[in-house]
Amino acid sequence: VLLWPPPRGEPCLQKLADYEGKKFVSIQKADVKLDESEEEKKRFSKVKDMFKPLTDWWKETLTELTEKGAMKDAGVKIEKVEVSKRLTDSPVVVVTSQFGYSAQQERVMKAQAFQNKEQISMMSGRKTLEINPNHPVVVNLLSKVKADKEDKAAKDTAQVLFQTALIESGYEISDPSALVNRVYRLMSKELGVDPDAPLREVEVLEEEEEAEEEDKDEDGEEEEKEEGGKKDEL
């Protein structure tokens, strides 16, 4: 395992390709192969079948988001959504195709003064979203999708997870406001507030009403003190 800091590590590994007959493989790329026993392979195949309704639905949802929705101008294309073998704690991760630019390479190329937008678009490659089948959020999404594929909360959660995974993996999102709005919607639902409720202007009390409110508060405090005194005497 080699841990090379950017920006020189990745270009060097691309030129070296292998060392003493062993090929270098980037953990940021799709199709990373890990050593598995036959039993582990069979178990993983069953897990893939279990989560197929979710991965198919998630692929359709993200395709609509990136081609027709809020991210249509971001230049992000979805190759597939699949069950991950590499994730342990995170619910999702975004990886690029084997020969596509990594997040670091994309940032370097976009920072060039004479950047070639067509080349960047071509080499950015299609992204793969890998999901963690052991994460409770992913398990909950699976149950929601099985019950109702048009569940609005499930779609919002799926899109937020994808966009946050892009950021966590080092990629840029062209329209952060879309992500922020979805986070606000999820927070509203968590607090029991209708996210589509109209905004209402705060009512400001006039001076006379404020004085009446203060008098009521003072009267209430005096009554509490009197009741407290009676109790002490008893």
Protein backbone atom coordinates (compact mmCIF):
# COMPACT_ATOMS: atom_id res chain seq x y z
CA VAL A 1 0.00 0.00 0.00
CA LEU A 2 1.41 3.38 -1.07
CA LEU A 3 0.07 6.66 0.30
CA TRP A 4 1.35 9.48 -1.88
CA PRO A 5 0.34 13.10 -1.24
CA PRO A 6 -0.90 15.16 -4.19
CA PRO A 7 -0.12 16.58 -6.67
CA ARG A 8 2.87 14.48 -7.81
CA GLY A 9 1.88 11.01 -6.62
CA GLU A 10 -0.87 10.22 -9.10
CA PRO A 11 0.95 11.29 -12.32
CA CYS A 12 4.03 9.33 -11.22
CA LEU A 13 2.03 6.14 -10.65
CA GLN A 14 0.41 6.49 -14.07
CA LYS A 15 3.86 6.53 -15.67
CA LEU A 16 5.25 3.68 -13.55
CA ALA A 17 2.20 1.41 -14.04
CA ASP A 18 3.79 -1.53 -12.18
CA TYR A 19 6.71 -2.53 -9.97
CA GLU A 20 8.41 -5.95 -10.00
CA GLY A 21 5.51 -7.44 -11.91
CA LYS A 22 2.81 -6.02 -9.64
CA LYS A 23 0.44 -3.44 -11.09
CA PHE A 24 -0.49 -0.32 -9.18
CA VAL A 25 -4.24 0.05 -8.56
CA SER A 26 -5.94 3.24 -7.37
CA ILE A 27 -8.49 2.75 -4.61
CA GLN A 28 -10.34 5.79 -6.03
CA LYS A 29 -11.18 3.93 -9.23
CA ALA A 30 -13.96 1.45 -9.93
CA ASP A 31 -13.42 -2.29 -10.43
CA VAL A 32 -10.95 -2.67 -7.56
CA LYS A 33 -10.48 -6.39 -6.99
CA LEU A 34 -9.99 -7.71 -3.48
CA ASP A 35 -8.97 -11.20 -2.40
CA GLU A 36 -12.08 -13.22 -1.51
CA SER A 37 -12.86 -16.79 -0.59
CA GLU A 38 -15.53 -18.75 -2.47
CA GLU A 39 -17.88 -18.40 0.49
CA GLU A 40 -17.42 -14.60 0.51
CA LYS A 41 -18.11 -14.46 -3.24
CA LYS A 42 -21.35 -16.42 -2.85
CA ARG A 43 -22.47 -14.22 0.04
CA PHE A 44 -21.71 -11.04 -1.92
CA SER A 45 -23.69 -12.33 -4.90
CA LYS A 46 -26.73 -12.86 -2.64
CA VAL A 47 -26.34 -9.37 -1.14
CA LYS A 48 -26.26 -7.86 -4.65
CA ASP A 49 -29.53 -9.61 -5.48
CA MET A 50 -31.10 -8.36 -2.24
CA PHE A 51 -30.21 -4.75 -3.01
CA LYS A 52 -30.93 -4.87 -6.76
CA PRO A 53 -34.30 -3.03 -6.38
CA LEU A 54 -32.44 -0.19 -4.64
CA THR A 55 -29.45 0.01 -7.01
CA ASP A 56 -31.72 0.01 -10.10
CA TRP A 57 -33.99 2.69 -8.60
CA TRP A 58 -31.00 4.79 -7.45
CA LYS A 59 -29.44 4.65 -10.93
CA GLU A 60 -32.68 5.92 -12.51
CA THR A 61 -33.02 8.67 -9.88
CA LEU A 62 -29.44 9.93 -10.37
CA THR A 63 -29.67 9.72 -14.16
CA GLU A 64 -32.70 11.99 -14.02
CA LEU A 65 -30.90 14.33 -11.60
CA THR A 66 -27.74 14.65 -13.72
CA GLU A 67 -29.34 14.73 -17.16
CA LYS A 68 -32.60 16.62 -16.57
CA GLY A 69 -32.53 17.90 -12.99
CA ALA A 70 -30.49 20.34 -10.90
CA MET A 71 -27.14 18.79 -11.92
CA LYS A 72 -27.68 18.71 -15.70
CA ASP A 73 -24.98 21.38 -16.23
CA ALA A 74 -22.48 19.81 -13.83
CA GLY A 75 -20.94 17.48 -16.41
CA VAL A 76 -21.44 14.48 -14.10
CA LYS A 77 -22.57 11.24 -15.71
CA ILE A 78 -23.63 8.12 -13.81
CA GLU A 79 -22.29 4.81 -15.03
CA LYS A 80 -23.90 2.59 -12.40
CA VAL A 81 -24.90 2.15 -8.79
CA GLU A 82 -23.62 -1.01 -7.15
CA VAL A 83 -23.00 -2.69 -3.81
CA SER A 84 -19.53 -1.91 -2.47
CA LYS A 85 -16.84 -4.24 -1.19
CA ARG A 86 -14.56 -1.47 0.07
CA LEU A 87 -16.85 0.52 2.40
CA THR A 88 -16.90 -0.09 6.15
CA ASP A 89 -18.33 3.03 7.86
CA SER A 90 -19.59 5.42 5.16
CA PRO A 91 -22.99 4.76 3.55
CA VAL A 92 -21.82 5.63 0.00
CA VAL A 93 -18.78 6.61 -2.04
CA VAL A 94 -18.27 7.95 -5.56
CA VAL A 95 -15.51 6.50 -7.73
CA THR A 96 -14.56 7.11 -11.34
CA SER A 97 -13.94 4.72 -14.23
CA GLN A 98 -10.61 2.95 -14.54
CA PHE A 99 -9.17 5.38 -17.12
CA GLY A 100 -11.01 8.53 -16.04
CA TYR A 101 -9.68 11.50 -14.10
CA SER A 102 -9.62 11.26 -10.33
CA ALA A 103 -10.94 14.18 -8.24
CA GLN A 104 -7.40 15.57 -7.86
CA GLN A 105 -6.73 15.38 -11.60
CA GLU A 106 -10.02 17.11 -12.38
CA ARG A 107 -9.12 20.01 -10.08
CA VAL A 108 -5.65 20.34 -11.63
CA MET A 109 -6.99 20.28 -15.20
CA LYS A 110 -9.77 22.79 -14.47
CA ALA A 111 -7.21 25.15 -12.92
CA GLN A 112 -5.16 25.30 -16.15
CA ALA A 113 -5.23 28.65 -17.96
CA PHE A 114 -5.71 27.01 -21.38
CA GLN A 115 -7.93 24.16 -20.31
CA ASN A 116 -9.57 21.94 -22.91
CA LYS A 117 -13.18 21.58 -21.77
CA GLU A 118 -13.91 18.77 -24.22
CA GLN A 119 -10.93 16.76 -22.99
CA ILE A 120 -11.88 17.35 -19.35
CA SER A 121 -15.44 16.25 -20.06
CA MET A 122 -14.23 13.11 -21.86
CA MET A 123 -11.57 12.13 -19.33
CA SER A 124 -13.72 12.86 -16.28
CA GLY A 125 -15.48 9.63 -17.14
CA ARG A 126 -18.73 8.33 -15.77
CA LYS A 127 -19.05 8.07 -12.02
CA THR A 128 -20.00 4.96 -10.08
CA LEU A 129 -21.89 5.23 -6.80
CA GLU A 130 -21.04 2.39 -4.44
CA ILE A 131 -23.37 1.73 -1.50
CA ASN A 132 -22.67 0.09 1.84
CA PRO A 133 -25.26 -2.70 2.38
CA ASN A 134 -24.49 -2.79 6.10
CA HIS A 135 -25.26 0.88 6.75
CA PRO A 136 -28.65 1.55 8.42
CA VAL A 137 -29.41 4.50 6.09
CA VAL A 138 -28.99 2.29 3.01
CA VAL A 139 -31.05 -0.52 4.57
CA ASN A 140 -33.80 1.98 5.39
CA LEU A 141 -33.76 3.30 1.81
CA LEU A 142 -34.16 -0.23 0.49
CA SER A 143 -37.30 -0.77 2.58
CA LYS A 144 -38.74 2.60 1.48
CA VAL A 145 -38.11 1.89 -2.20
CA LYS A 146 -39.71 -1.54 -1.94
CA ALA A 147 -42.80 0.05 -0.39
CA ASP A 148 -43.05 3.06 -2.73
CA LYS A 149 -40.66 4.00 -5.56
CA GLU A 150 -42.15 7.51 -5.70
CA ASP A 151 -41.40 8.25 -2.03
CA LYS A 152 -40.31 11.92 -1.99
CA ALA A 153 -38.25 11.56 1.19
CA ALA A 154 -36.40 8.58 -0.29
CA LYS A 155 -35.55 10.57 -3.45
CA ASP A 156 -34.32 13.56 -1.42
CA THR A 157 -32.16 11.27 0.74
CA ALA A 158 -30.72 9.46 -2.29
CA GLN A 159 -29.79 12.73 -4.01
CA VAL A 160 -28.28 14.26 -0.86
CA LEU A 161 -26.19 11.13 -0.26
CA PHE A 162 -24.88 11.25 -3.84
CA GLN A 163 -23.96 14.94 -3.69
CA THR A 164 -22.30 14.67 -0.27
CA ALA A 165 -20.38 11.61 -1.53
CA LEU A 166 -19.12 13.70 -4.46
CA ILE A 167 -17.84 16.33 -2.03
CA GLU A 168 -16.33 13.74 0.32
CA SER A 169 -14.54 12.06 -2.60
CA GLY A 170 -13.04 15.41 -3.61
CA TYR A 171 -15.24 16.28 -6.59
CA GLU A 172 -16.89 19.64 -7.12
CA ILE A 173 -20.62 20.23 -7.43
CA SER A 174 -21.68 23.05 -9.75
CA ASP A 175 -24.83 24.02 -7.84
CA PRO A 176 -24.35 23.76 -4.06
CA SER A 177 -27.64 25.59 -3.49
CA ALA A 178 -29.57 22.52 -4.71
CA LEU A 179 -27.82 20.39 -2.08
CA VAL A 180 -28.41 23.00 0.62
CA ASN A 181 -32.13 23.16 -0.20
CA ARG A 182 -32.45 19.38 0.07
CA VAL A 183 -30.64 19.42 3.43
CA TYR A 184 -33.08 22.10 4.64
CA ARG A 185 -36.02 19.96 3.51
CA LEU A 186 -34.70 16.91 5.37
CA MET A 187 -34.07 18.99 8.49
CA SER A 188 -37.62 20.38 8.34
CA LYS A 189 -39.10 16.90 8.13
CA GLU A 190 -36.92 15.73 11.01
CA LEU A 191 -38.29 18.60 13.13
CA GLY A 192 -41.87 17.86 12.11
CA VAL A 193 -42.17 21.02 9.98
CA ASP A 194 -43.77 20.97 6.55
CA PRO A 195 -40.88 21.83 4.13
CA ASP A 196 -43.40 23.28 1.65
CA ALA A 197 -45.13 25.51 4.22
CA PRO A 198 -45.27 29.17 3.09
CA LEU A 199 -43.19 31.77 4.89
CA ARG A 200 -45.12 34.01 7.27
CA GLU A 201 -44.03 37.41 8.46
CA VAL A 202 -43.44 37.58 12.21
CA GLU A 203 -46.13 39.54 14.06
CA VAL A 204 -44.63 42.41 16.03
CA LEU A 205 -46.64 43.58 19.06
CA GLU A 206 -47.53 47.25 19.34
CA GLU A 207 -46.41 49.24 22.41
CA GLU A 208 -49.84 49.02 24.07
CA GLU A 209 -50.03 45.26 23.54
CA GLU A 210 -46.50 44.85 24.92
CA ALA A 211 -47.46 46.82 28.03
CA GLU A 212 -50.53 44.62 28.55
CA GLU A 213 -48.38 41.48 28.17
CA GLU A 214 -45.89 42.81 30.73
CA ASP A 215 -48.73 43.60 33.18
CA LYS A 216 -50.08 40.07 32.79
CA ASP A 217 -46.61 38.64 33.46
CA GLU A 218 -46.20 40.79 36.58
CA ASP A 219 -49.66 39.82 37.89
CA GLY A 220 -48.82 36.18 37.33
CA GLU A 221 -45.55 36.48 39.24
CA GLU A 222 -47.29 38.19 42.18
CA GLU A 223 -49.94 35.45 42.34
CA GLU A 224 -47.22 32.78 42.37
CA LYS A 225 -45.45 34.57 45.24
CA GLU A 226 -48.70 34.85 47.24
CA GLU A 227 -49.46 31.16 46.74
CA GLY A 228 -45.91 30.31 47.76
CA GLY A 229 -46.25 32.39 50.94
CA LYS A 230 -49.49 30.67 51.91
CA LYS A 231 -47.89 27.27 51.49
CA ASP A 232 -44.98 28.30 53.74
CA GLU A 233 -47.42 29.43 56.45
CA LEU A 234 -49.24 26.11 56.32
